[in-house]
Each structure stands twice: as structure tokens, then as C-alpha cells.
Amino acid sequence: MFGGYMMKINAKNVLNFLRADSHVDKRGFLFKKGELNKGWQKRWFILKGNMLFYYHLPHDTEPIGMVILEGCTIDFCQNDKTTFSISFPVEGSRCTLSSLR
């Protein structure tokens, strides 16, 4: 749900956007705190537009996940300026990432 509405995503269109020759804003390793496995997992991230794709390794061709950043806010952890969380417009939804671990 996004803003009270269910968001439908066409996976084929998203992958075409990711693979297009357009500019990649940022790429690199981050540590992602899991939803089910609460430990930190090292993942390769690609930021393209308002979409953050993540992979197991840089040479992987298919992302294992994606975060749509539209309407999100970024909050840095008070005790650690390398860790930040992405808060979504849906109450209680968040993604926690760190550049160092």
C-alpha cells in the first residue's frame, strides 16, 4: 500500500528501466538490516532515479529487491552517522541501511 492505495509494479518495465543506458546516480555496497533475518546483510546497491535496487553481488544480473523512494524521508541514526533509515509514507514501514559495519 502506498498512500492508502495498492501500488502495482510491472516487473518487466522496471527491469527495462534498470538495464537502460540511462545514468546511474550511485552504486556500491551497503549493509541492509533484514525484515525477517534481523542481522546486517552486505548487498550491492544501485540508485537509479527514485528506485534503489539491491543484489547479492555486483555482477548479478537480476536484483533481489527494490525500494521505491517516492515520498520517503531519510533519517540518520543519532549515534552513528554512517547508518540511516528510509521511512515510507505507510506508517510503520522502514528500511535500515549502513555504509559501514
Protein backbone atom coordinates (compact mmCIF):
# COMPACT_ATOMS: atom_id res chain seq x y z
CA MET A 1 0.00 0.00 0.00
CA PHE A 2 1.21 3.49 -0.83
CA GLY A 3 -0.68 6.48 0.47
CA GLY A 4 -3.72 4.29 1.07
CA TYR A 5 -3.58 2.77 -2.42
CA MET A 6 -2.15 -0.52 -3.61
CA MET A 7 0.78 0.15 -5.94
CA LYS A 8 1.10 -2.18 -8.93
CA ILE A 9 4.53 -2.61 -10.45
CA ASN A 10 5.23 -4.16 -13.82
CA ALA A 11 8.44 -6.13 -13.21
CA LYS A 12 9.35 -6.22 -16.91
CA ASN A 13 9.13 -2.41 -17.21
CA VAL A 14 11.17 -1.92 -14.04
CA LEU A 15 13.90 -4.28 -15.30
CA ASN A 16 13.92 -2.47 -18.67
CA PHE A 17 14.39 0.83 -16.83
CA LEU A 18 17.22 -0.66 -14.76
CA ARG A 19 19.01 -2.09 -17.81
CA ALA A 20 18.57 1.04 -19.98
CA ASP A 21 21.69 3.01 -20.81
CA SER A 22 20.49 5.98 -18.77
CA HIS A 23 22.58 7.43 -15.96
CA VAL A 24 23.08 5.53 -12.67
CA ASP A 25 23.08 8.02 -9.77
CA LYS A 26 25.08 5.90 -7.29
CA ARG A 27 26.26 2.33 -6.86
CA GLY A 28 28.15 0.48 -4.17
CA PHE A 29 27.96 -1.82 -1.19
CA LEU A 30 25.74 -1.07 1.79
CA PHE A 31 24.64 -3.18 4.70
CA LYS A 32 20.89 -3.80 4.87
CA LYS A 33 19.09 -4.83 8.03
CA GLY A 34 16.73 -7.65 7.12
CA GLU A 35 12.99 -7.76 7.65
CA LEU A 36 12.86 -11.42 8.68
CA ASN A 37 16.55 -12.03 9.44
CA LYS A 38 17.30 -9.09 11.73
CA GLY A 39 21.05 -9.30 11.08
CA TRP A 40 23.03 -6.99 8.77
CA GLN A 41 23.48 -8.30 5.23
CA LYS A 42 26.03 -6.90 2.78
CA ARG A 43 24.33 -6.05 -0.52
CA TRP A 44 25.30 -4.30 -3.77
CA PHE A 45 23.00 -1.31 -4.37
CA ILE A 46 22.23 0.73 -7.47
CA LEU A 47 20.35 4.02 -7.15
CA LYS A 48 18.66 5.00 -10.39
CA GLY A 49 16.17 7.82 -10.23
CA ASN A 50 13.83 7.20 -7.33
CA MET A 51 14.48 3.44 -7.28
CA LEU A 52 17.08 1.69 -5.13
CA PHE A 53 17.85 -1.82 -6.41
CA TYR A 54 19.86 -4.35 -4.42
CA TYR A 55 21.76 -7.50 -5.34
CA HIS A 56 23.85 -10.17 -3.64
CA LEU A 57 26.93 -9.22 -5.71
CA PRO A 58 27.88 -6.53 -8.28
CA HIS A 59 27.98 -8.94 -11.24
CA ASP A 60 24.46 -10.33 -10.58
CA THR A 61 22.07 -9.59 -13.43
CA GLU A 62 18.78 -9.72 -11.53
CA PRO A 63 18.12 -7.63 -8.40
CA ILE A 64 16.91 -9.48 -5.32
CA GLY A 65 14.90 -6.48 -4.23
CA MET A 66 13.94 -2.89 -4.87
CA VAL A 67 12.98 0.10 -2.75
CA ILE A 68 10.84 2.84 -4.30
CA LEU A 69 11.93 6.08 -2.67
CA GLU A 70 8.99 8.25 -3.77
CA GLY A 71 7.62 10.14 -0.78
CA CYS A 72 10.24 8.70 1.62
CA THR A 73 12.33 10.50 4.20
CA ILE A 74 15.90 9.70 5.23
CA ASP A 75 16.85 9.75 8.92
CA PHE A 76 20.43 9.38 10.14
CA CYS A 77 20.92 7.47 13.38
CA GLN A 78 21.99 9.81 16.17
CA ASN A 79 24.88 7.66 17.42
CA ASP A 80 26.20 6.57 14.02
CA LYS A 81 26.34 8.93 11.03
CA THR A 82 27.06 6.02 8.65
CA THR A 83 23.70 4.36 9.41
CA PHE A 84 20.44 5.72 8.08
CA SER A 85 16.89 4.58 7.73
CA ILE A 86 14.40 5.17 4.96
CA SER A 87 10.91 5.86 6.24
CA PHE A 88 7.97 5.26 3.92
CA PRO A 89 4.64 7.10 3.81
CA VAL A 90 2.95 3.93 5.11
CA GLU A 91 3.07 4.02 8.92
CA GLY A 92 5.50 1.55 10.46
CA SER A 93 7.36 0.84 7.20
CA ARG A 94 11.09 1.46 7.16
CA CYS A 95 14.33 0.13 5.69
CA THR A 96 17.63 0.45 7.60
CA LEU A 97 20.96 0.72 5.76
CA SER A 98 24.56 1.39 6.74
CA SER A 99 27.63 2.30 4.68
CA LEU A 100 29.98 0.68 7.22
CA ARG A 101 29.72 -2.25 9.61
